[in-house]
Amino acid sequence: MDTENIDNGELQTWTTDEVADAIANEKIVLIDVRTPAEYAFEHVEGAMLLPMAFFDPKFLPGEEGKTVVLMCGSSARSGKMARKALMSGRERIAHLDGGFAAWKKAGQPYITTDMASGAPVRKAPN
């Protein structure tokens, strides 16, 4: 994990392995800031959706017990929203380095859409 101290708090950047381990051990709340269409097509199982267009840090869960980790497609949007959360008074927030693209490249599991039926399908690690 990389950390960056910003005027308002600490921005953490987590690797795909760190996020996957934290999900498995129920230590984080993963928030996807992509669009509803992107999320519907494919997403990390268990990730909650709070699209960047409607992102308001007051809707983020509290910091007690679990770390809030933001993600998007590449980490550009999640980085911006993490900074926005820090500016709003959060003391610590994290985001996924490389976003969903890095997640898939690392062979981590996710939910996708079967194009023939429209049904959700779990993709297991490679």
Foldseek 3Di string as FASTA:
>chain_A
DDWDQDPQAIEAEDELVVVVVCVVVVAAAEEEQDDPVVVLAKDAPRHHYDHLVRDDLVPDDDPPRHAYEYFYQQCPSSVVSQVVNSVVRDHYHYYYHGGPVSNVVQQPKMWGADPVPRDIDIRHGD
